[in-house]
Amino acid sequence: MEHRAPAPNLVTNPPNKLLDQLMHHATQIVPGKIALLARVACVTGVARWRIYEKTPLARIWVFAPRLQGIWRNGEVIAGGRSVMDLAWFVWDPAHRGPPTIGRIRRRDRQAGPRRRGGAGDPADPARQQPL
């Protein structure tokens, strides 16, 4: 693995089997924000709590309802139902205090095409805090 970050921030969906290793490594070398898409169960486990104690989480954004299918650029490219509850785990060096926990709501499929800036969009200013 790299010994210094190639970019100031990191956003990724790591494989579950490498999650602990990536969390530890990223929190050591990334100078800015880190956002990892992982199972909600990621908040448990002794090894992970050691990481959280050294570099506290800023935010946890839980998907409700669960993500469905494979998404790319805001559009579903393959169907299917997830059996896992997923969330964005966000580290922010400027954050102080306990983590904020929020939820990302998915628009109803019958509501029409997704538009940037709408409710539930990460760019929506009405959300609690940006990633």
C-alpha atoms as a PDB file:
ATOM      1  CA  MET A   1       0.000   0.000   0.000  1.00  0.00           C
ATOM      2  CA  GLU A   2       0.937   3.636  -0.475  1.00  0.00           C
ATOM      3  CA  HIS A   3       2.792   5.510   2.250  1.00  0.00           C
ATOM      4  CA  ARG A   4       1.230   8.852   1.369  1.00  0.00           C
ATOM      5  CA  ALA A   5      -2.131   9.684  -0.117  1.00  0.00           C
ATOM      6  CA  PRO A   6      -2.248  10.418  -3.869  1.00  0.00           C
ATOM      7  CA  ALA A   7      -5.180  12.810  -3.214  1.00  0.00           C
ATOM      8  CA  PRO A   8      -6.313  14.948  -0.252  1.00  0.00           C
ATOM      9  CA  ASN A   9      -9.626  13.044   0.213  1.00  0.00           C
ATOM     10  CA  LEU A  10     -10.779   9.451  -0.256  1.00  0.00           C
ATOM     11  CA  VAL A  11     -14.215   8.089  -1.252  1.00  0.00           C
ATOM     12  CA  THR A  12     -14.475   4.339  -1.806  1.00  0.00           C
ATOM     13  CA  ASN A  13     -16.496   1.160  -1.448  1.00  0.00           C
ATOM     14  CA  PRO A  14     -13.856  -1.278  -0.200  1.00  0.00           C
ATOM     15  CA  PRO A  15     -14.258  -5.065  -0.281  1.00  0.00           C
ATOM     16  CA  ASN A  16     -15.496  -6.265   3.119  1.00  0.00           C
ATOM     17  CA  LYS A  17     -12.515  -8.583   3.570  1.00  0.00           C
ATOM     18  CA  LEU A  18     -10.128  -5.581   3.305  1.00  0.00           C
ATOM     19  CA  LEU A  19     -12.239  -3.089   5.270  1.00  0.00           C
ATOM     20  CA  ASP A  20     -10.283  -3.125   8.547  1.00  0.00           C
ATOM     21  CA  GLN A  21      -6.936  -2.890   6.781  1.00  0.00           C
ATOM     22  CA  LEU A  22      -8.133  -0.072   4.525  1.00  0.00           C
ATOM     23  CA  MET A  23      -9.726   1.859   7.412  1.00  0.00           C
ATOM     24  CA  HIS A  24      -6.512   1.698   9.410  1.00  0.00           C
ATOM     25  CA  HIS A  25      -4.282   2.616   6.486  1.00  0.00           C
ATOM     26  CA  ALA A  26      -6.491   5.416   5.131  1.00  0.00           C
ATOM     27  CA  THR A  27      -6.859   7.104   8.519  1.00  0.00           C
ATOM     28  CA  GLN A  28      -3.062   7.130   8.771  1.00  0.00           C
ATOM     29  CA  ILE A  29      -2.211   8.646   5.373  1.00  0.00           C
ATOM     30  CA  VAL A  30      -5.208  10.651   4.058  1.00  0.00           C
ATOM     31  CA  PRO A  31      -4.935  14.266   5.250  1.00  0.00           C
ATOM     32  CA  GLY A  32      -8.531  15.259   4.436  1.00  0.00           C
ATOM     33  CA  LYS A  33     -11.929  13.604   4.522  1.00  0.00           C
ATOM     34  CA  ILE A  34     -12.490   9.867   4.144  1.00  0.00           C
ATOM     35  CA  ALA A  35     -15.831   8.343   3.131  1.00  0.00           C
ATOM     36  CA  LEU A  36     -16.171   4.564   3.106  1.00  0.00           C
ATOM     37  CA  LEU A  37     -19.309   2.743   1.971  1.00  0.00           C
ATOM     38  CA  ALA A  38     -19.638  -0.247   4.289  1.00  0.00           C
ATOM     39  CA  ARG A  39     -22.128  -2.394   6.178  1.00  0.00           C
ATOM     40  CA  VAL A  40     -23.846  -0.723   9.115  1.00  0.00           C
ATOM     41  CA  ALA A  41     -22.356  -3.509  11.242  1.00  0.00           C
ATOM     42  CA  CYS A  42     -19.024  -1.777  10.629  1.00  0.00           C
ATOM     43  CA  VAL A  43     -19.553   0.109  13.903  1.00  0.00           C
ATOM     44  CA  THR A  44     -18.962  -3.085  15.868  1.00  0.00           C
ATOM     45  CA  GLY A  45     -15.780  -5.017  16.532  1.00  0.00           C
ATOM     46  CA  VAL A  46     -12.875  -4.421  18.894  1.00  0.00           C
ATOM     47  CA  ALA A  47     -10.294  -3.759  16.142  1.00  0.00           C
ATOM     48  CA  ARG A  48     -12.506  -1.136  14.523  1.00  0.00           C
ATOM     49  CA  TRP A  49     -13.168   0.619  17.830  1.00  0.00           C
ATOM     50  CA  ARG A  50      -9.426   1.045  18.251  1.00  0.00           C
ATOM     51  CA  ILE A  51      -9.416   2.880  14.905  1.00  0.00           C
ATOM     52  CA  TYR A  52     -12.450   4.991  15.904  1.00  0.00           C
ATOM     53  CA  GLU A  53     -10.783   5.976  19.190  1.00  0.00           C
ATOM     54  CA  LYS A  54      -7.622   7.165  17.413  1.00  0.00           C
ATOM     55  CA  THR A  55      -9.424   8.900  14.541  1.00  0.00           C
ATOM     56  CA  PRO A  56     -13.065   9.532  15.496  1.00  0.00           C
ATOM     57  CA  LEU A  57     -15.841   9.355  12.945  1.00  0.00           C
ATOM     58  CA  ALA A  58     -17.532  12.608  11.947  1.00  0.00           C
ATOM     59  CA  ARG A  59     -20.677  11.241  10.327  1.00  0.00           C
ATOM     60  CA  ILE A  60     -22.536   8.028   9.521  1.00  0.00           C
ATOM     61  CA  TRP A  61     -25.113   8.202   6.696  1.00  0.00           C
ATOM     62  CA  VAL A  62     -27.361   5.121   6.638  1.00  0.00           C
ATOM     63  CA  PHE A  63     -29.254   4.194   3.469  1.00  0.00           C
ATOM     64  CA  ALA A  64     -32.955   3.727   4.214  1.00  0.00           C
ATOM     65  CA  PRO A  65     -34.410   1.798   2.577  1.00  0.00           C
ATOM     66  CA  ARG A  66     -31.544  -0.474   1.590  1.00  0.00           C
ATOM     67  CA  LEU A  67     -29.713   0.163  -1.661  1.00  0.00           C
ATOM     68  CA  GLN A  68     -31.076  -1.898  -4.516  1.00  0.00           C
ATOM     69  CA  GLY A  69     -29.142  -3.023  -7.543  1.00  0.00           C
ATOM     70  CA  ILE A  70     -25.888  -1.616  -8.831  1.00  0.00           C
ATOM     71  CA  TRP A  71     -25.769   2.168  -9.153  1.00  0.00           C
ATOM     72  CA  ARG A  72     -23.523   4.286 -11.324  1.00  0.00           C
ATOM     73  CA  ASN A  73     -23.777   8.067 -11.643  1.00  0.00           C
ATOM     74  CA  GLY A  74     -27.103   8.114  -9.806  1.00  0.00           C
ATOM     75  CA  GLU A  75     -28.805   5.539 -12.056  1.00  0.00           C
ATOM     76  CA  VAL A  76     -29.529   1.831 -11.520  1.00  0.00           C
ATOM     77  CA  ILE A  77     -27.575  -0.219 -14.064  1.00  0.00           C
ATOM     78  CA  ALA A  78     -28.494  -3.681 -12.722  1.00  0.00           C
ATOM     79  CA  GLY A  79     -31.407  -4.834 -10.581  1.00  0.00           C
ATOM     80  CA  GLY A  80     -31.483  -6.878  -7.425  1.00  0.00           C
ATOM     81  CA  ARG A  81     -32.066  -6.428  -3.733  1.00  0.00           C
ATOM     82  CA  SER A  82     -29.381  -5.968  -1.141  1.00  0.00           C
ATOM     83  CA  VAL A  83     -29.557  -8.059   2.007  1.00  0.00           C
ATOM     84  CA  MET A  84     -27.094  -5.722   3.724  1.00  0.00           C
ATOM     85  CA  ASP A  85     -27.742  -2.447   5.468  1.00  0.00           C
ATOM     86  CA  LEU A  86     -25.150   0.003   4.126  1.00  0.00           C
ATOM     87  CA  ALA A  87     -23.908   3.386   5.262  1.00  0.00           C
ATOM     88  CA  TRP A  88     -21.297   5.999   4.448  1.00  0.00           C
ATOM     89  CA  PHE A  89     -18.740   6.255   7.268  1.00  0.00           C
ATOM     90  CA  VAL A  90     -17.104   9.676   7.134  1.00  0.00           C
ATOM     91  CA  TRP A  91     -13.953  10.921   8.839  1.00  0.00           C
ATOM     92  CA  ASP A  92     -13.283  14.663   8.798  1.00  0.00           C
ATOM     93  CA  PRO A  93     -10.190  16.095  10.498  1.00  0.00           C
ATOM     94  CA  ALA A  94     -12.076  19.349  11.199  1.00  0.00           C
ATOM     95  CA  HIS A  95     -14.880  17.540  13.069  1.00  0.00           C
ATOM     96  CA  ARG A  96     -15.139  17.843  16.841  1.00  0.00           C
ATOM     97  CA  GLY A  97     -17.489  15.948  19.149  1.00  0.00           C
ATOM     98  CA  PRO A  98     -19.514  12.776  18.658  1.00  0.00           C
ATOM     99  CA  PRO A  99     -20.445  11.599  15.175  1.00  0.00           C
ATOM    100  CA  THR A 100     -23.643  12.759  13.516  1.00  0.00           C
ATOM    101  CA  ILE A 101     -25.885   9.915  12.410  1.00  0.00           C
ATOM    102  CA  GLY A 102     -28.321  10.547   9.588  1.00  0.00           C
ATOM    103  CA  ARG A 103     -30.124   8.712   6.863  1.00  0.00           C
ATOM    104  CA  ILE A 104     -30.064   8.939   3.107  1.00  0.00           C
ATOM    105  CA  ARG A 105     -33.551   8.490   1.745  1.00  0.00           C
ATOM    106  CA  ARG A 106     -34.011   7.029  -1.690  1.00  0.00           C
ATOM    107  CA  ARG A 107     -36.686   8.547  -3.889  1.00  0.00           C
ATOM    108  CA  ASP A 108     -39.580   6.330  -4.879  1.00  0.00           C
ATOM    109  CA  ARG A 109     -39.045   4.763  -8.311  1.00  0.00           C
ATOM    110  CA  GLN A 110     -42.460   6.023  -9.481  1.00  0.00           C
ATOM    111  CA  ALA A 111     -41.457   9.612  -8.730  1.00  0.00           C
ATOM    112  CA  GLY A 112     -39.668   9.987 -12.059  1.00  0.00           C
ATOM    113  CA  PRO A 113     -36.044  10.591 -12.990  1.00  0.00           C
ATOM    114  CA  ARG A 114     -33.606  11.682 -10.347  1.00  0.00           C
ATOM    115  CA  ARG A 115     -32.529  15.317 -10.580  1.00  0.00           C
ATOM    116  CA  ARG A 116     -29.474  16.838  -8.954  1.00  0.00           C
ATOM    117  CA  GLY A 117     -30.210  19.016  -5.963  1.00  0.00           C
ATOM    118  CA  GLY A 118     -33.481  17.286  -4.991  1.00  0.00           C
ATOM    119  CA  ALA A 119     -34.379  15.845  -1.607  1.00  0.00           C
ATOM    120  CA  GLY A 120     -32.049  13.013  -0.700  1.00  0.00           C
ATOM    121  CA  ASP A 121     -29.349  14.206  -3.089  1.00  0.00           C
ATOM    122  CA  PRO A 122     -25.935  14.552  -1.398  1.00  0.00           C
ATOM    123  CA  ALA A 123     -25.740  18.070  -2.853  1.00  0.00           C
ATOM    124  CA  ASP A 124     -29.046  19.117  -1.232  1.00  0.00           C
ATOM    125  CA  PRO A 125     -28.321  22.033   1.155  1.00  0.00           C
ATOM    126  CA  ALA A 126     -31.200  20.932   3.414  1.00  0.00           C
ATOM    127  CA  ARG A 127     -29.188  17.904   4.546  1.00  0.00           C
ATOM    128  CA  GLN A 128     -27.501  18.077   7.956  1.00  0.00           C
ATOM    129  CA  GLN A 129     -23.927  18.256   6.722  1.00  0.00           C
ATOM    130  CA  PRO A 130     -22.108  17.428   3.481  1.00  0.00           C
ATOM    131  CA  LEU A 131     -19.807  14.439   3.287  1.00  0.00           C
END
